Amino acid sequence: LFWAREMAKSGGILSKIFENLANELEKS
C-alpha cells in the first residue's frame, strides 16, 4: 500500500499506473 502510494505521487514514468492500484488497496 505504501509503495503504491509513493509511486502514484512520484510524478514519474510509472506514476499513473500505480494510482489505481493505490486506490484499490486503500479502499479494500
mmCIF file of all heavy atoms, coordinates in Angstrom:
data_MODEL
# 
_entry.id   MODEL 
# 
loop_
_atom_site.group_PDB 
_atom_site.id 
_atom_site.type_symbol 
_atom_site.label_atom_id 
_atom_site.label_alt_id 
_atom_site.label_comp_id 
_atom_site.label_asym_id 
_atom_site.label_entity_id 
_atom_site.label_seq_id 
_atom_site.pdbx_PDB_ins_code 
_atom_site.Cartn_x 
_atom_site.Cartn_y 
_atom_site.Cartn_z 
_atom_site.occupancy 
_atom_site.B_iso_or_equiv 
_atom_site.pdbx_formal_charge 
_atom_site.auth_seq_id 
_atom_site.auth_comp_id 
_atom_site.auth_asym_id 
_atom_site.auth_atom_id 
_atom_site.pdbx_PDB_model_num 
ATOM 1   N N   . LEU A 1 1  ? 0.826   -1.205 0.000   1.00 0.00 ? 1  LEU A N   1 
ATOM 2   C CA  . LEU A 1 1  ? 0.000   0.000  0.000   1.00 0.00 ? 1  LEU A CA  1 
ATOM 3   C C   . LEU A 1 1  ? 0.859   1.254  0.000   1.00 0.00 ? 1  LEU A C   1 
ATOM 4   O O   . LEU A 1 1  ? 0.654   2.174  -0.803  1.00 0.00 ? 1  LEU A O   1 
ATOM 5   C CB  . LEU A 1 1  ? -0.917  -0.013 1.226   1.00 0.00 ? 1  LEU A CB  1 
ATOM 6   C CG  . LEU A 1 1  ? -1.718  1.262  1.516   1.00 0.00 ? 1  LEU A CG  1 
ATOM 7   C CD1 . LEU A 1 1  ? -2.654  1.595  0.347   1.00 0.00 ? 1  LEU A CD1 1 
ATOM 8   C CD2 . LEU A 1 1  ? -2.516  1.118  2.816   1.00 0.00 ? 1  LEU A CD2 1 
ATOM 9   N N   . PHE A 1 2  ? 1.861   1.314  0.884   1.00 0.00 ? 2  PHE A N   1 
ATOM 10  C CA  . PHE A 1 2  ? 2.731   2.493  0.974   1.00 0.00 ? 2  PHE A CA  1 
ATOM 11  C C   . PHE A 1 2  ? 3.536   2.680  -0.315  1.00 0.00 ? 2  PHE A C   1 
ATOM 12  O O   . PHE A 1 2  ? 3.741   3.804  -0.776  1.00 0.00 ? 2  PHE A O   1 
ATOM 13  C CB  . PHE A 1 2  ? 3.682   2.367  2.165   1.00 0.00 ? 2  PHE A CB  1 
ATOM 14  C CG  . PHE A 1 2  ? 2.999   2.290  3.503   1.00 0.00 ? 2  PHE A CG  1 
ATOM 15  C CD1 . PHE A 1 2  ? 3.588   1.614  4.570   1.00 0.00 ? 2  PHE A CD1 1 
ATOM 16  C CD2 . PHE A 1 2  ? 1.759   2.882  3.700   1.00 0.00 ? 2  PHE A CD2 1 
ATOM 17  C CE1 . PHE A 1 2  ? 2.962   1.546  5.806   1.00 0.00 ? 2  PHE A CE1 1 
ATOM 18  C CE2 . PHE A 1 2  ? 1.122   2.818  4.942   1.00 0.00 ? 2  PHE A CE2 1 
ATOM 19  C CZ  . PHE A 1 2  ? 1.722   2.145  5.989   1.00 0.00 ? 2  PHE A CZ  1 
ATOM 20  N N   . TRP A 1 3  ? 3.988   1.567  -0.905  1.00 0.00 ? 3  TRP A N   1 
ATOM 21  C CA  . TRP A 1 3  ? 4.777   1.645  -2.137  1.00 0.00 ? 3  TRP A CA  1 
ATOM 22  C C   . TRP A 1 3  ? 3.924   2.163  -3.294  1.00 0.00 ? 3  TRP A C   1 
ATOM 23  O O   . TRP A 1 3  ? 4.349   3.026  -4.069  1.00 0.00 ? 3  TRP A O   1 
ATOM 24  C CB  . TRP A 1 3  ? 5.338   0.261  -2.455  1.00 0.00 ? 3  TRP A CB  1 
ATOM 25  C CG  . TRP A 1 3  ? 6.463   0.251  -3.482  1.00 0.00 ? 3  TRP A CG  1 
ATOM 26  C CD1 . TRP A 1 3  ? 7.027   1.331  -4.095  1.00 0.00 ? 3  TRP A CD1 1 
ATOM 27  C CD2 . TRP A 1 3  ? 7.138   -0.897 -3.977  1.00 0.00 ? 3  TRP A CD2 1 
ATOM 28  N NE1 . TRP A 1 3  ? 8.023   0.925  -4.950  1.00 0.00 ? 3  TRP A NE1 1 
ATOM 29  C CE2 . TRP A 1 3  ? 8.116   -0.448 -4.892  1.00 0.00 ? 3  TRP A CE2 1 
ATOM 30  C CE3 . TRP A 1 3  ? 7.030   -2.269 -3.733  1.00 0.00 ? 3  TRP A CE3 1 
ATOM 31  C CZ2 . TRP A 1 3  ? 8.971   -1.328 -5.577  1.00 0.00 ? 3  TRP A CZ2 1 
ATOM 32  C CZ3 . TRP A 1 3  ? 7.877   -3.140 -4.401  1.00 0.00 ? 3  TRP A CZ3 1 
ATOM 33  C CH2 . TRP A 1 3  ? 8.830   -2.668 -5.310  1.00 0.00 ? 3  TRP A CH2 1 
ATOM 34  N N   . ALA A 1 4  ? 2.702   1.644  -3.383  1.00 0.00 ? 4  ALA A N   1 
ATOM 35  C CA  . ALA A 1 4  ? 1.795   2.109  -4.439  1.00 0.00 ? 4  ALA A CA  1 
ATOM 36  C C   . ALA A 1 4  ? 1.490   3.601  -4.273  1.00 0.00 ? 4  ALA A C   1 
ATOM 37  O O   . ALA A 1 4  ? 1.444   4.352  -5.263  1.00 0.00 ? 4  ALA A O   1 
ATOM 38  C CB  . ALA A 1 4  ? 0.505   1.289  -4.411  1.00 0.00 ? 4  ALA A CB  1 
ATOM 39  N N   . ARG A 1 5  ? 1.278   4.045  -3.032  1.00 0.00 ? 5  ARG A N   1 
ATOM 40  C CA  . ARG A 1 5  ? 1.022   5.469  -2.775  1.00 0.00 ? 5  ARG A CA  1 
ATOM 41  C C   . ARG A 1 5  ? 2.198   6.326  -3.237  1.00 0.00 ? 5  ARG A C   1 
ATOM 42  O O   . ARG A 1 5  ? 2.018   7.357  -3.892  1.00 0.00 ? 5  ARG A O   1 
ATOM 43  C CB  . ARG A 1 5  ? 0.810   5.702  -1.277  1.00 0.00 ? 5  ARG A CB  1 
ATOM 44  C CG  . ARG A 1 5  ? -0.571  5.358  -0.759  1.00 0.00 ? 5  ARG A CG  1 
ATOM 45  C CD  . ARG A 1 5  ? -0.589  5.603  0.741   1.00 0.00 ? 5  ARG A CD  1 
ATOM 46  N NE  . ARG A 1 5  ? -1.834  5.196  1.378   1.00 0.00 ? 5  ARG A NE  1 
ATOM 47  C CZ  . ARG A 1 5  ? -1.991  5.097  2.691   1.00 0.00 ? 5  ARG A CZ  1 
ATOM 48  N NH1 . ARG A 1 5  ? -0.971  5.358  3.509   1.00 0.00 ? 5  ARG A NH1 1 
ATOM 49  N NH2 . ARG A 1 5  ? -3.157  4.740  3.207   1.00 0.00 ? 5  ARG A NH2 1 
ATOM 50  N N   . GLU A 1 6  ? 3.411   5.893  -2.876  1.00 0.00 ? 6  GLU A N   1 
ATOM 51  C CA  . GLU A 1 6  ? 4.604   6.662  -3.236  1.00 0.00 ? 6  GLU A CA  1 
ATOM 52  C C   . GLU A 1 6  ? 4.805   6.703  -4.743  1.00 0.00 ? 6  GLU A C   1 
ATOM 53  O O   . GLU A 1 6  ? 5.195   7.737  -5.301  1.00 0.00 ? 6  GLU A O   1 
ATOM 54  C CB  . GLU A 1 6  ? 5.844   6.082  -2.547  1.00 0.00 ? 6  GLU A CB  1 
ATOM 55  C CG  . GLU A 1 6  ? 5.861   6.243  -1.038  1.00 0.00 ? 6  GLU A CG  1 
ATOM 56  C CD  . GLU A 1 6  ? 5.880   7.693  -0.597  1.00 0.00 ? 6  GLU A CD  1 
ATOM 57  O OE1 . GLU A 1 6  ? 6.332   8.559  -1.366  1.00 0.00 ? 6  GLU A OE1 1 
ATOM 58  O OE2 . GLU A 1 6  ? 5.420   7.974  0.539   1.00 0.00 ? 6  GLU A OE2 1 
ATOM 59  N N   . MET A 1 7  ? 4.538   5.589  -5.409  1.00 0.00 ? 7  MET A N   1 
ATOM 60  C CA  . MET A 1 7  ? 4.664   5.562  -6.870  1.00 0.00 ? 7  MET A CA  1 
ATOM 61  C C   . MET A 1 7  ? 3.617   6.456  -7.518  1.00 0.00 ? 7  MET A C   1 
ATOM 62  O O   . MET A 1 7  ? 3.887   7.157  -8.497  1.00 0.00 ? 7  MET A O   1 
ATOM 63  C CB  . MET A 1 7  ? 4.522   4.122  -7.379  1.00 0.00 ? 7  MET A CB  1 
ATOM 64  C CG  . MET A 1 7  ? 5.739   3.257  -7.142  1.00 0.00 ? 7  MET A CG  1 
ATOM 65  S SD  . MET A 1 7  ? 7.222   3.863  -7.993  1.00 0.00 ? 7  MET A SD  1 
ATOM 66  C CE  . MET A 1 7  ? 6.716   3.727  -9.702  1.00 0.00 ? 7  MET A CE  1 
ATOM 67  N N   . ALA A 1 8  ? 2.401   6.464  -6.963  1.00 0.00 ? 8  ALA A N   1 
ATOM 68  C CA  . ALA A 1 8  ? 1.311   7.260  -7.542  1.00 0.00 ? 8  ALA A CA  1 
ATOM 69  C C   . ALA A 1 8  ? 1.602   8.750  -7.493  1.00 0.00 ? 8  ALA A C   1 
ATOM 70  O O   . ALA A 1 8  ? 1.224   9.496  -8.397  1.00 0.00 ? 8  ALA A O   1 
ATOM 71  C CB  . ALA A 1 8  ? 0.007   6.952  -6.817  1.00 0.00 ? 8  ALA A CB  1 
ATOM 72  N N   . LYS A 1 9  ? 2.288   9.200  -6.444  1.00 0.00 ? 9  LYS A N   1 
ATOM 73  C CA  . LYS A 1 9  ? 2.548   10.639 -6.316  1.00 0.00 ? 9  LYS A CA  1 
ATOM 74  C C   . LYS A 1 9  ? 3.964   11.028 -6.737  1.00 0.00 ? 9  LYS A C   1 
ATOM 75  O O   . LYS A 1 9  ? 4.384   12.167 -6.545  1.00 0.00 ? 9  LYS A O   1 
ATOM 76  C CB  . LYS A 1 9  ? 2.285   11.090 -4.881  1.00 0.00 ? 9  LYS A CB  1 
ATOM 77  C CG  . LYS A 1 9  ? 3.190   10.486 -3.823  1.00 0.00 ? 9  LYS A CG  1 
ATOM 78  C CD  . LYS A 1 9  ? 2.723   10.921 -2.431  1.00 0.00 ? 9  LYS A CD  1 
ATOM 79  C CE  . LYS A 1 9  ? 3.644   10.379 -1.336  1.00 0.00 ? 9  LYS A CE  1 
ATOM 80  N NZ  . LYS A 1 9  ? 3.165   10.681 0.012   1.00 0.00 ? 9  LYS A NZ  1 
ATOM 81  N N   . SER A 1 10 ? 4.706   10.079 -7.344  1.00 0.00 ? 10 SER A N   1 
ATOM 82  C CA  . SER A 1 10 ? 6.096   10.360 -7.713  1.00 0.00 ? 10 SER A CA  1 
ATOM 83  C C   . SER A 1 10 ? 6.216   11.282 -8.914  1.00 0.00 ? 10 SER A C   1 
ATOM 84  O O   . SER A 1 10 ? 7.239   11.942 -9.098  1.00 0.00 ? 10 SER A O   1 
ATOM 85  C CB  . SER A 1 10 ? 6.837   9.047  -8.007  1.00 0.00 ? 10 SER A CB  1 
ATOM 86  O OG  . SER A 1 10 ? 6.322   8.443  -9.183  1.00 0.00 ? 10 SER A OG  1 
ATOM 87  N N   . GLY A 1 11 ? 5.164   11.317 -9.771  1.00 0.00 ? 11 GLY A N   1 
ATOM 88  C CA  . GLY A 1 11 ? 5.225   12.153 -10.976 1.00 0.00 ? 11 GLY A CA  1 
ATOM 89  C C   . GLY A 1 11 ? 6.142   11.584 -12.036 1.00 0.00 ? 11 GLY A C   1 
ATOM 90  O O   . GLY A 1 11 ? 6.455   12.257 -13.028 1.00 0.00 ? 11 GLY A O   1 
ATOM 91  N N   . GLY A 1 12 ? 6.561   10.321 -11.866 1.00 0.00 ? 12 GLY A N   1 
ATOM 92  C CA  . GLY A 1 12 ? 7.494   9.713  -12.813 1.00 0.00 ? 12 GLY A CA  1 
ATOM 93  C C   . GLY A 1 12 ? 6.781   8.962  -13.918 1.00 0.00 ? 12 GLY A C   1 
ATOM 94  O O   . GLY A 1 12 ? 5.567   9.072  -14.115 1.00 0.00 ? 12 GLY A O   1 
ATOM 95  N N   . ILE A 1 13 ? 7.571   8.166  -14.644 1.00 0.00 ? 13 ILE A N   1 
ATOM 96  C CA  . ILE A 1 13 ? 7.067   7.440  -15.817 1.00 0.00 ? 13 ILE A CA  1 
ATOM 97  C C   . ILE A 1 13 ? 5.939   6.488  -15.445 1.00 0.00 ? 13 ILE A C   1 
ATOM 98  O O   . ILE A 1 13 ? 4.986   6.301  -16.201 1.00 0.00 ? 13 ILE A O   1 
ATOM 99  C CB  . ILE A 1 13 ? 8.227   6.635  -16.462 1.00 0.00 ? 13 ILE A CB  1 
ATOM 100 C CG1 . ILE A 1 13 ? 9.412   7.553  -16.770 1.00 0.00 ? 13 ILE A CG1 1 
ATOM 101 C CG2 . ILE A 1 13 ? 7.780   5.920  -17.726 1.00 0.00 ? 13 ILE A CG2 1 
ATOM 102 C CD1 . ILE A 1 13 ? 10.712  6.827  -17.059 1.00 0.00 ? 13 ILE A CD1 1 
ATOM 103 N N   . LEU A 1 14 ? 6.030   5.865  -14.263 1.00 0.00 ? 14 LEU A N   1 
ATOM 104 C CA  . LEU A 1 14 ? 5.088   4.814  -13.873 1.00 0.00 ? 14 LEU A CA  1 
ATOM 105 C C   . LEU A 1 14 ? 3.981   5.287  -12.935 1.00 0.00 ? 14 LEU A C   1 
ATOM 106 O O   . LEU A 1 14 ? 3.136   4.490  -12.535 1.00 0.00 ? 14 LEU A O   1 
ATOM 107 C CB  . LEU A 1 14 ? 5.861   3.675  -13.185 1.00 0.00 ? 14 LEU A CB  1 
ATOM 108 C CG  . LEU A 1 14 ? 6.991   3.019  -13.982 1.00 0.00 ? 14 LEU A CG  1 
ATOM 109 C CD1 . LEU A 1 14 ? 7.740   2.035  -13.103 1.00 0.00 ? 14 LEU A CD1 1 
ATOM 110 C CD2 . LEU A 1 14 ? 6.451   2.312  -15.210 1.00 0.00 ? 14 LEU A CD2 1 
ATOM 111 N N   . SER A 1 15 ? 3.962   6.571  -12.601 1.00 0.00 ? 15 SER A N   1 
ATOM 112 C CA  . SER A 1 15 ? 3.047   7.041  -11.549 1.00 0.00 ? 15 SER A CA  1 
ATOM 113 C C   . SER A 1 15 ? 1.578   6.784  -11.871 1.00 0.00 ? 15 SER A C   1 
ATOM 114 O O   . SER A 1 15 ? 0.805   6.393  -10.998 1.00 0.00 ? 15 SER A O   1 
ATOM 115 C CB  . SER A 1 15 ? 3.275   8.521  -11.257 1.00 0.00 ? 15 SER A CB  1 
ATOM 116 O OG  . SER A 1 15 ? 3.057   9.294  -12.413 1.00 0.00 ? 15 SER A OG  1 
ATOM 117 N N   . LYS A 1 16 ? 1.178   6.988  -13.114 1.00 0.00 ? 16 LYS A N   1 
ATOM 118 C CA  . LYS A 1 16 ? -0.232  6.810  -13.491 1.00 0.00 ? 16 LYS A CA  1 
ATOM 119 C C   . LYS A 1 16 ? -0.690  5.376  -13.296 1.00 0.00 ? 16 LYS A C   1 
ATOM 120 O O   . LYS A 1 16 ? -1.812  5.119  -12.864 1.00 0.00 ? 16 LYS A O   1 
ATOM 121 C CB  . LYS A 1 16 ? -0.442  7.215  -14.955 1.00 0.00 ? 16 LYS A CB  1 
ATOM 122 C CG  . LYS A 1 16 ? -0.337  8.706  -15.208 1.00 0.00 ? 16 LYS A CG  1 
ATOM 123 C CD  . LYS A 1 16 ? -1.537  9.437  -14.615 1.00 0.00 ? 16 LYS A CD  1 
ATOM 124 C CE  . LYS A 1 16 ? -1.462  10.938 -14.910 1.00 0.00 ? 16 LYS A CE  1 
ATOM 125 N NZ  . LYS A 1 16 ? -2.538  11.672 -14.215 1.00 0.00 ? 16 LYS A NZ  1 
ATOM 126 N N   . ILE A 1 17 ? 0.213   4.432  -13.602 1.00 0.00 ? 17 ILE A N   1 
ATOM 127 C CA  . ILE A 1 17 ? -0.129  3.006  -13.486 1.00 0.00 ? 17 ILE A CA  1 
ATOM 128 C C   . ILE A 1 17 ? -0.476  2.647  -12.047 1.00 0.00 ? 17 ILE A C   1 
ATOM 129 O O   . ILE A 1 17 ? -1.349  1.817  -11.786 1.00 0.00 ? 17 ILE A O   1 
ATOM 130 C CB  . ILE A 1 17 ? 1.052   2.139  -13.978 1.00 0.00 ? 17 ILE A CB  1 
ATOM 131 C CG1 . ILE A 1 17 ? 1.372   2.455  -15.436 1.00 0.00 ? 17 ILE A CG1 1 
ATOM 132 C CG2 . ILE A 1 17 ? 0.782   0.659  -13.780 1.00 0.00 ? 17 ILE A CG2 1 
ATOM 133 C CD1 . ILE A 1 17 ? 2.632   1.807  -15.958 1.00 0.00 ? 17 ILE A CD1 1 
ATOM 134 N N   . PHE A 1 18 ? 0.199   3.305  -11.099 1.00 0.00 ? 18 PHE A N   1 
ATOM 135 C CA  . PHE A 1 18 ? 0.050   2.930  -9.701  1.00 0.00 ? 18 PHE A CA  1 
ATOM 136 C C   . PHE A 1 18 ? -1.090  3.665  -8.989  1.00 0.00 ? 18 PHE A C   1 
ATOM 137 O O   . PHE A 1 18 ? -1.430  3.309  -7.858  1.00 0.00 ? 18 PHE A O   1 
ATOM 138 C CB  . PHE A 1 18 ? 1.364   3.159  -8.951  1.00 0.00 ? 18 PHE A CB  1 
ATOM 139 C CG  . PHE A 1 18 ? 2.372   2.077  -9.191  1.00 0.00 ? 18 PHE A CG  1 
ATOM 140 C CD1 . PHE A 1 18 ? 3.216   2.128  -10.287 1.00 0.00 ? 18 PHE A CD1 1 
ATOM 141 C CD2 . PHE A 1 18 ? 2.460   0.986  -8.339  1.00 0.00 ? 18 PHE A CD2 1 
ATOM 142 C CE1 . PHE A 1 18 ? 4.149   1.127  -10.516 1.00 0.00 ? 18 PHE A CE1 1 
ATOM 143 C CE2 . PHE A 1 18 ? 3.382   -0.017 -8.569  1.00 0.00 ? 18 PHE A CE2 1 
ATOM 144 C CZ  . PHE A 1 18 ? 4.228   0.050  -9.664  1.00 0.00 ? 18 PHE A CZ  1 
ATOM 145 N N   . GLU A 1 19 ? -1.683  4.671  -9.607  1.00 0.00 ? 19 GLU A N   1 
ATOM 146 C CA  . GLU A 1 19 ? -2.782  5.400  -8.954  1.00 0.00 ? 19 GLU A CA  1 
ATOM 147 C C   . GLU A 1 19 ? -3.949  4.474  -8.667  1.00 0.00 ? 19 GLU A C   1 
ATOM 148 O O   . GLU A 1 19 ? -4.501  4.459  -7.556  1.00 0.00 ? 19 GLU A O   1 
ATOM 149 C CB  . GLU A 1 19 ? -3.229  6.569  -9.831  1.00 0.00 ? 19 GLU A CB  1 
ATOM 150 C CG  . GLU A 1 19 ? -2.307  7.777  -9.751  1.00 0.00 ? 19 GLU A CG  1 
ATOM 151 C CD  . GLU A 1 19 ? -2.828  8.947  -10.573 1.00 0.00 ? 19 GLU A CD  1 
ATOM 152 O OE1 . GLU A 1 19 ? -4.015  8.896  -10.998 1.00 0.00 ? 19 GLU A OE1 1 
ATOM 153 O OE2 . GLU A 1 19 ? -2.055  9.890  -10.797 1.00 0.00 ? 19 GLU A OE2 1 
ATOM 154 N N   . ASN A 1 20 ? -4.357  3.684  -9.665  1.00 0.00 ? 20 ASN A N   1 
ATOM 155 C CA  . ASN A 1 20 ? -5.482  2.762  -9.480  1.00 0.00 ? 20 ASN A CA  1 
ATOM 156 C C   . ASN A 1 20 ? -5.158  1.694  -8.441  1.00 0.00 ? 20 ASN A C   1 
ATOM 157 O O   . ASN A 1 20 ? -6.014  1.340  -7.622  1.00 0.00 ? 20 ASN A O   1 
ATOM 158 C CB  . ASN A 1 20 ? -5.845  2.084  -10.808 1.00 0.00 ? 20 ASN A CB  1 
ATOM 159 C CG  . ASN A 1 20 ? -6.532  3.038  -11.760 1.00 0.00 ? 20 ASN A CG  1 
ATOM 160 O OD1 . ASN A 1 20 ? -7.111  4.044  -11.344 1.00 0.00 ? 20 ASN A OD1 1 
ATOM 161 N ND2 . ASN A 1 20 ? -6.472  2.735  -13.048 1.00 0.00 ? 20 ASN A ND2 1 
ATOM 162 N N   . LEU A 1 21 ? -3.915  1.203  -8.470  1.00 0.00 ? 21 LEU A N   1 
ATOM 163 C CA  . LEU A 1 21 ? -3.511  0.186  -7.502  1.00 0.00 ? 21 LEU A CA  1 
ATOM 164 C C   . LEU A 1 21 ? -3.593  0.729  -6.081  1.00 0.00 ? 21 LEU A C   1 
ATOM 165 O O   . LEU A 1 21 ? -4.142  0.072  -5.180  1.00 0.00 ? 21 LEU A O   1 
ATOM 166 C CB  . LEU A 1 21 ? -2.076  -0.277 -7.811  1.00 0.00 ? 21 LEU A CB  1 
ATOM 167 C CG  . LEU A 1 21 ? -1.472  -1.289 -6.841  1.00 0.00 ? 21 LEU A CG  1 
ATOM 168 C CD1 . LEU A 1 21 ? -2.311  -2.563 -6.773  1.00 0.00 ? 21 LEU A CD1 1 
ATOM 169 C CD2 . LEU A 1 21 ? -0.034  -1.617 -7.226  1.00 0.00 ? 21 LEU A CD2 1 
ATOM 170 N N   . ALA A 1 22 ? -3.071  1.928  -5.867  1.00 0.00 ? 22 ALA A N   1 
ATOM 171 C CA  . ALA A 1 22 ? -3.118  2.537  -4.537  1.00 0.00 ? 22 ALA A CA  1 
ATOM 172 C C   . ALA A 1 22 ? -4.559  2.728  -4.073  1.00 0.00 ? 22 ALA A C   1 
ATOM 173 O O   . ALA A 1 22 ? -4.899  2.439  -2.919  1.00 0.00 ? 22 ALA A O   1 
ATOM 174 C CB  . ALA A 1 22 ? -2.389  3.875  -4.548  1.00 0.00 ? 22 ALA A CB  1 
ATOM 175 N N   . ASN A 1 23 ? -5.422  3.193  -4.973  1.00 0.00 ? 23 ASN A N   1 
ATOM 176 C CA  . ASN A 1 23 ? -6.838  3.418  -4.635  1.00 0.00 ? 23 ASN A CA  1 
ATOM 177 C C   . ASN A 1 23 ? -7.533  2.110  -4.259  1.00 0.00 ? 23 ASN A C   1 
ATOM 178 O O   . ASN A 1 23 ? -8.302  2.060  -3.292  1.00 0.00 ? 23 ASN A O   1 
ATOM 179 C CB  . ASN A 1 23 ? -7.570  4.080  -5.804  1.00 0.00 ? 23 ASN A CB  1 
ATOM 180 C CG  . ASN A 1 23 ? -7.139  5.527  -6.009  1.00 0.00 ? 23 ASN A CG  1 
ATOM 181 O OD1 . ASN A 1 23 ? -6.670  6.181  -5.075  1.00 0.00 ? 23 ASN A OD1 1 
ATOM 182 N ND2 . ASN A 1 23 ? -7.274  6.030  -7.225  1.00 0.00 ? 23 ASN A ND2 1 
ATOM 183 N N   . GLU A 1 24 ? -7.267  1.053  -5.031  1.00 0.00 ? 24 GLU A N   1 
ATOM 184 C CA  . GLU A 1 24 ? -7.884  -0.249 -4.765  1.00 0.00 ? 24 GLU A CA  1 
ATOM 185 C C   . GLU A 1 24 ? -7.432  -0.814 -3.418  1.00 0.00 ? 24 GLU A C   1 
ATOM 186 O O   . GLU A 1 24 ? -8.238  -1.349 -2.650  1.00 0.00 ? 24 GLU A O   1 
ATOM 187 C CB  . GLU A 1 24 ? -7.527  -1.236 -5.888  1.00 0.00 ? 24 GLU A CB  1 
ATOM 188 C CG  . GLU A 1 24 ? -8.271  -1.009 -7.195  1.00 0.00 ? 24 GLU A CG  1 
ATOM 189 C CD  . GLU A 1 24 ? -9.754  -1.288 -7.066  1.00 0.00 ? 24 GLU A CD  1 
ATOM 190 O OE1 . GLU A 1 24 ? -10.129 -2.324 -6.481  1.00 0.00 ? 24 GLU A OE1 1 
ATOM 191 O OE2 . GLU A 1 24 ? -10.546 -0.443 -7.521  1.00 0.00 ? 24 GLU A OE2 1 
ATOM 192 N N   . LEU A 1 25 ? -6.153  -0.693 -3.125  1.00 0.00 ? 25 LEU A N   1 
ATOM 193 C CA  . LEU A 1 25 ? -5.628  -1.204 -1.856  1.00 0.00 ? 25 LEU A CA  1 
ATOM 194 C C   . LEU A 1 25 ? -6.202  -0.431 -0.673  1.00 0.00 ? 25 LEU A C   1 
ATOM 195 O O   . LEU A 1 25 ? -6.577  -1.021 0.351   1.00 0.00 ? 25 LEU A O   1 
ATOM 196 C CB  . LEU A 1 25 ? -4.098  -1.131 -1.845  1.00 0.00 ? 25 LEU A CB  1 
ATOM 197 C CG  . LEU A 1 25 ? -3.363  -2.090 -2.787  1.00 0.00 ? 25 LEU A CG  1 
ATOM 198 C CD1 . LEU A 1 25 ? -1.870  -1.779 -2.825  1.00 0.00 ? 25 LEU A CD1 1 
ATOM 199 C CD2 . LEU A 1 25 ? -3.581  -3.549 -2.362  1.00 0.00 ? 25 LEU A CD2 1 
ATOM 200 N N   . GLU A 1 26 ? -6.269  0.900  -0.793  1.00 0.00 ? 26 GLU A N   1 
ATOM 201 C CA  . GLU A 1 26 ? -6.818  1.725  0.286   1.00 0.00 ? 26 GLU A CA  1 
ATOM 202 C C   . GLU A 1 26 ? -8.293  1.405  0.525   1.00 0.00 ? 26 GLU A C   1 
ATOM 203 O O   . GLU A 1 26 ? -8.737  1.264  1.671   1.00 0.00 ? 26 GLU A O   1 
ATOM 204 C CB  . GLU A 1 26 ? -6.642  3.204  -0.054  1.00 0.00 ? 26 GLU A CB  1 
ATOM 205 C CG  . GLU A 1 26 ? -5.207  3.690  0.095   1.00 0.00 ? 26 GLU A CG  1 
ATOM 206 C CD  . GLU A 1 26 ? -5.042  5.144  -0.334  1.00 0.00 ? 26 GLU A CD  1 
ATOM 207 O OE1 . GLU A 1 26 ? -6.030  5.740  -0.822  1.00 0.00 ? 26 GLU A OE1 1 
ATOM 208 O OE2 . GLU A 1 26 ? -3.934  5.675  -0.197  1.00 0.00 ? 26 GLU A OE2 1 
ATOM 209 N N   . LYS A 1 27 ? -9.041  1.289  -0.550  1.00 0.00 ? 27 LYS A N   1 
ATOM 210 C CA  . LYS A 1 27 ? -10.475 1.034  -0.460  1.00 0.00 ? 27 LYS A CA  1 
ATOM 211 C C   . LYS A 1 27 ? -10.772 -0.333 0.178   1.00 0.00 ? 27 LYS A C   1 
ATOM 212 O O   . LYS A 1 27 ? -11.774 -0.491 0.892   1.00 0.00 ? 27 LYS A O   1 
ATOM 213 C CB  . LYS A 1 27 ? -11.072 1.101  -1.872  1.00 0.00 ? 27 LYS A CB  1 
ATOM 214 C CG  . LYS A 1 27 ? -12.573 0.935  -1.949  1.00 0.00 ? 27 LYS A CG  1 
ATOM 215 C CD  . LYS A 1 27 ? -13.066 1.104  -3.382  1.00 0.00 ? 27 LYS A CD  1 
ATOM 216 C CE  . LYS A 1 27 ? -12.610 -0.040 -4.254  1.00 0.00 ? 27 LYS A CE  1 
ATOM 217 N NZ  . LYS A 1 27 ? -13.140 0.058  -5.649  1.00 0.00 ? 27 LYS A NZ  1 
ATOM 218 N N   . SER A 1 28 ? -9.890  -1.299 -0.066  1.00 0.00 ? 28 SER A N   1 
ATOM 219 C CA  . SER A 1 28 ? -10.150 -2.678 0.373   1.00 0.00 ? 28 SER A CA  1 
ATOM 220 C C   . SER A 1 28 ? -9.400  -3.061 1.648   1.00 0.00 ? 28 SER A C   1 
ATOM 221 O O   . SER A 1 28 ? -9.393  -4.240 2.033   1.00 0.00 ? 28 SER A O   1 
ATOM 222 C CB  . SER A 1 28 ? -9.751  -3.649 -0.750  1.00 0.00 ? 28 SER A CB  1 
ATOM 223 O OG  . SER A 1 28 ? -10.364 -3.314 -1.967  1.00 0.00 ? 28 SER A OG  1 
# 
